[in-house]
């Protein structure tokens, strides 16, 4: 467990966990930056990541479009 995104990234490099569960809103490095940095490092890019948030729909939709829409397609999130 880490208290911020930078510490989480460093621990992921050190421990190479089976899965990462992270909040989008973190100090030092937010969850979106953390995710992109993790996926750009070949040593740990294979680790599945679950991003959680308590944000309201508008900001969450913005994050979804910046991150998931680009990676998995928007149809995954349409109701």
N, C-alpha and C. Protein backbone atom coordinates (compact mmCIF):
# COMPACT_ATOMS: atom_id res chain seq x y z
N UNK A 1 0.84 -1.17 0.00
CA UNK A 1 0.00 0.00 0.00
C UNK A 1 0.89 1.24 0.00
N UNK A 2 0.49 2.23 -0.77
CA UNK A 2 1.27 3.47 -0.89
C UNK A 2 0.39 4.67 -0.60
N UNK A 3 1.01 5.75 -0.17
CA UNK A 3 0.24 6.95 0.19
C UNK A 3 0.14 7.96 -0.95
N UNK A 4 0.88 7.76 -2.04
CA UNK A 4 0.77 8.67 -3.18
C UNK A 4 1.20 7.95 -4.46
N UNK A 5 0.96 8.57 -5.59
CA UNK A 5 1.22 7.94 -6.88
C UNK A 5 2.69 7.64 -7.14
N UNK A 6 3.57 8.54 -6.77
CA UNK A 6 5.00 8.32 -6.99
C UNK A 6 5.50 7.13 -6.18
N UNK A 7 5.09 7.08 -4.92
CA UNK A 7 5.47 5.95 -4.06
C UNK A 7 4.89 4.65 -4.61
N UNK A 8 3.67 4.70 -5.10
CA UNK A 8 3.04 3.51 -5.69
C UNK A 8 3.80 3.02 -6.91
N UNK A 9 4.24 3.94 -7.74
CA UNK A 9 5.02 3.55 -8.92
C UNK A 9 6.33 2.89 -8.52
N UNK A 10 7.02 3.48 -7.56
CA UNK A 10 8.28 2.92 -7.09
C UNK A 10 8.09 1.53 -6.49
N UNK A 11 7.01 1.35 -5.73
CA UNK A 11 6.72 0.04 -5.13
C UNK A 11 6.35 -0.98 -6.20
N UNK A 12 5.65 -0.55 -7.24
CA UNK A 12 5.31 -1.46 -8.34
C UNK A 12 6.58 -1.96 -9.02
N UNK A 13 7.56 -1.08 -9.21
CA UNK A 13 8.85 -1.50 -9.78
C UNK A 13 9.57 -2.49 -8.87
N UNK A 14 9.49 -2.25 -7.58
CA UNK A 14 10.19 -3.08 -6.60
C UNK A 14 9.51 -4.44 -6.40
N UNK A 15 8.17 -4.45 -6.28
CA UNK A 15 7.45 -5.66 -5.90
C UNK A 15 6.84 -6.43 -7.08
N UNK A 16 6.60 -5.76 -8.19
CA UNK A 16 5.91 -6.32 -9.37
C UNK A 16 4.68 -7.12 -8.92
N UNK A 17 3.64 -6.42 -8.48
CA UNK A 17 2.43 -7.10 -7.98
C UNK A 17 1.63 -7.75 -9.10
N UNK A 18 0.68 -8.61 -8.74
CA UNK A 18 -0.18 -9.28 -9.71
C UNK A 18 -1.26 -8.34 -10.25
N UNK A 19 -1.68 -7.37 -9.44
CA UNK A 19 -2.70 -6.41 -9.83
C UNK A 19 -2.50 -5.13 -9.01
N UNK A 20 -2.92 -4.00 -9.56
CA UNK A 20 -2.83 -2.73 -8.85
C UNK A 20 -4.22 -2.11 -8.81
N UNK A 21 -4.65 -1.70 -7.63
CA UNK A 21 -5.90 -0.97 -7.44
C UNK A 21 -5.50 0.42 -6.93
N UNK A 22 -5.92 1.44 -7.66
CA UNK A 22 -5.48 2.79 -7.35
C UNK A 22 -6.63 3.78 -7.44
N UNK A 23 -6.51 4.87 -6.71
CA UNK A 23 -7.46 5.97 -6.80
C UNK A 23 -6.98 6.93 -7.89
N UNK A 24 -7.90 7.60 -8.55
CA UNK A 24 -7.51 8.61 -9.53
C UNK A 24 -6.97 9.85 -8.83
N UNK A 25 -7.57 10.20 -7.70
CA UNK A 25 -7.16 11.40 -6.96
C UNK A 25 -6.13 11.03 -5.90
N UNK A 26 -4.86 11.28 -6.21
CA UNK A 26 -3.76 11.01 -5.28
C UNK A 26 -2.82 12.20 -5.25
N UNK A 27 -2.14 12.41 -4.13
CA UNK A 27 -1.14 13.48 -4.09
C UNK A 27 0.13 13.07 -4.86
N UNK A 28 0.95 14.01 -5.15
CA UNK A 28 2.25 13.88 -5.83
C UNK A 28 2.08 13.47 -7.29
N UNK A 29 1.43 12.35 -7.57
CA UNK A 29 1.18 11.90 -8.94
C UNK A 29 -0.24 11.36 -9.00
N UNK A 30 -1.10 11.93 -9.85
CA UNK A 30 -2.48 11.46 -9.90
C UNK A 30 -2.57 10.09 -10.56
N UNK A 31 -3.73 9.47 -10.47
CA UNK A 31 -3.92 8.11 -10.98
C UNK A 31 -3.76 7.99 -12.48
N UNK A 32 -4.15 9.01 -13.23
CA UNK A 32 -4.00 8.97 -14.69
C UNK A 32 -2.53 8.99 -15.06
N UNK A 33 -1.76 9.87 -14.46
CA UNK A 33 -0.32 9.94 -14.71
C UNK A 33 0.35 8.65 -14.26
N UNK A 34 -0.04 8.16 -13.10
CA UNK A 34 0.49 6.90 -12.58
C UNK A 34 0.25 5.77 -13.58
N UNK A 35 -0.97 5.67 -14.09
CA UNK A 35 -1.33 4.62 -15.04
C UNK A 35 -0.49 4.72 -16.31
N UNK A 36 -0.41 5.90 -16.86
CA UNK A 36 0.37 6.09 -18.10
C UNK A 36 1.84 5.77 -17.90
N UNK A 37 2.39 6.19 -16.76
CA UNK A 37 3.80 5.91 -16.47
C UNK A 37 4.02 4.41 -16.29
N UNK A 38 3.09 3.74 -15.61
CA UNK A 38 3.19 2.31 -15.38
C UNK A 38 3.13 1.56 -16.71
N UNK A 39 2.20 1.93 -17.58
CA UNK A 39 2.03 1.23 -18.85
C UNK A 39 3.14 1.54 -19.85
N UNK A 40 3.92 2.58 -19.62
CA UNK A 40 5.01 2.90 -20.53
C UNK A 40 6.33 2.24 -20.11
N UNK A 41 6.34 1.58 -18.97
CA UNK A 41 7.55 0.88 -18.49
C UNK A 41 7.40 -0.61 -18.76
N UNK A 42 8.19 -1.16 -19.65
CA UNK A 42 8.06 -2.55 -20.07
C UNK A 42 8.22 -3.56 -18.92
N UNK A 43 8.89 -3.19 -17.86
CA UNK A 43 9.08 -4.11 -16.74
C UNK A 43 7.78 -4.36 -15.98
N UNK A 44 6.86 -3.40 -16.02
CA UNK A 44 5.63 -3.53 -15.24
C UNK A 44 4.37 -3.24 -16.05
N UNK A 45 4.50 -3.07 -17.35
CA UNK A 45 3.34 -2.70 -18.17
C UNK A 45 2.30 -3.82 -18.27
N UNK A 46 2.68 -5.05 -17.94
CA UNK A 46 1.76 -6.18 -18.01
C UNK A 46 0.80 -6.25 -16.82
N UNK A 47 1.03 -5.47 -15.77
CA UNK A 47 0.22 -5.54 -14.56
C UNK A 47 -1.15 -4.90 -14.81
N UNK A 48 -2.24 -5.64 -14.56
CA UNK A 48 -3.57 -5.04 -14.70
C UNK A 48 -3.80 -3.98 -13.63
N UNK A 49 -4.52 -2.92 -14.02
CA UNK A 49 -4.76 -1.80 -13.11
C UNK A 49 -6.26 -1.52 -13.04
N UNK A 50 -6.77 -1.36 -11.82
CA UNK A 50 -8.14 -0.92 -11.60
C UNK A 50 -8.06 0.47 -10.99
N UNK A 51 -8.66 1.45 -11.67
CA UNK A 51 -8.68 2.82 -11.15
C UNK A 51 -10.06 3.12 -10.58
N UNK A 52 -10.09 3.62 -9.36
CA UNK A 52 -11.33 3.96 -8.66
C UNK A 52 -11.40 5.46 -8.47
N UNK A 53 -12.62 5.97 -8.35
CA UNK A 53 -12.80 7.37 -8.04
C UNK A 53 -14.16 7.60 -7.38
N UNK A 54 -14.24 8.64 -6.61
CA UNK A 54 -15.50 9.04 -6.01
C UNK A 54 -16.00 10.34 -6.65
N UNK A 55 -15.42 10.70 -7.76
CA UNK A 55 -15.78 11.95 -8.44
C UNK A 55 -17.17 11.86 -9.04
N UNK A 56 -17.75 13.02 -9.31
CA UNK A 56 -19.06 13.10 -9.94
C UNK A 56 -18.95 12.74 -11.42
N UNK A 57 -20.08 12.46 -12.09
CA UNK A 57 -20.04 11.99 -13.48
C UNK A 57 -19.28 12.87 -14.46
N UNK A 58 -19.41 14.20 -14.39
CA UNK A 58 -18.75 15.06 -15.38
C UNK A 58 -17.23 14.89 -15.38
N UNK A 59 -16.54 15.08 -14.25
CA UNK A 59 -15.09 14.88 -14.27
C UNK A 59 -14.70 13.43 -14.58
N UNK A 60 -15.50 12.48 -14.13
CA UNK A 60 -15.21 11.08 -14.40
C UNK A 60 -15.28 10.80 -15.90
N UNK A 61 -16.28 11.39 -16.56
CA UNK A 61 -16.40 11.23 -18.00
C UNK A 61 -15.18 11.79 -18.72
N UNK A 62 -14.68 12.92 -18.24
CA UNK A 62 -13.48 13.52 -18.81
C UNK A 62 -12.29 12.58 -18.66
N UNK A 63 -12.12 12.01 -17.47
CA UNK A 63 -11.02 11.05 -17.25
C UNK A 63 -11.19 9.83 -18.13
N UNK A 64 -12.41 9.34 -18.24
CA UNK A 64 -12.67 8.16 -19.07
C UNK A 64 -12.25 8.43 -20.51
N UNK A 65 -12.62 9.59 -21.01
CA UNK A 65 -12.27 9.92 -22.39
C UNK A 65 -10.76 10.09 -22.57
N UNK A 66 -10.08 10.62 -21.56
CA UNK A 66 -8.64 10.80 -21.65
C UNK A 66 -7.89 9.48 -21.56
N UNK A 67 -8.43 8.53 -20.84
CA UNK A 67 -7.70 7.30 -20.57
C UNK A 67 -8.34 6.11 -21.26
N UNK A 68 -9.49 5.69 -20.82
CA UNK A 68 -10.10 4.46 -21.30
C UNK A 68 -10.62 4.55 -22.72
N UNK A 69 -11.25 5.65 -23.07
CA UNK A 69 -11.78 5.78 -24.41
C UNK A 69 -10.71 5.57 -25.45
N UNK A 70 -9.54 6.04 -25.15
CA UNK A 70 -8.42 5.91 -26.07
C UNK A 70 -7.92 4.47 -26.12
N UNK A 71 -7.99 3.76 -25.00
CA UNK A 71 -7.42 2.42 -24.93
C UNK A 71 -8.40 1.31 -25.29
N UNK A 72 -9.64 1.40 -24.81
CA UNK A 72 -10.56 0.28 -24.95
C UNK A 72 -11.77 0.57 -25.82
N UNK A 73 -11.96 1.80 -26.21
CA UNK A 73 -13.12 2.16 -27.01
C UNK A 73 -14.26 2.63 -26.13
N UNK A 74 -14.98 3.62 -26.58
CA UNK A 74 -16.03 4.22 -25.76
C UNK A 74 -17.24 3.31 -25.61
N UNK A 75 -17.44 2.33 -26.48
CA UNK A 75 -18.60 1.47 -26.37
C UNK A 75 -18.61 0.68 -25.07
N UNK A 76 -17.48 0.44 -24.49
CA UNK A 76 -17.40 -0.26 -23.22
C UNK A 76 -18.11 0.49 -22.12
N UNK A 77 -18.22 1.82 -22.23
CA UNK A 77 -18.78 2.63 -21.17
C UNK A 77 -20.14 3.21 -21.48
N UNK A 78 -20.68 2.93 -22.65
CA UNK A 78 -22.00 3.46 -23.00
C UNK A 78 -23.08 2.68 -22.28
N UNK A 79 -24.12 3.40 -21.87
CA UNK A 79 -25.23 2.74 -21.16
C UNK A 79 -26.33 2.34 -22.10
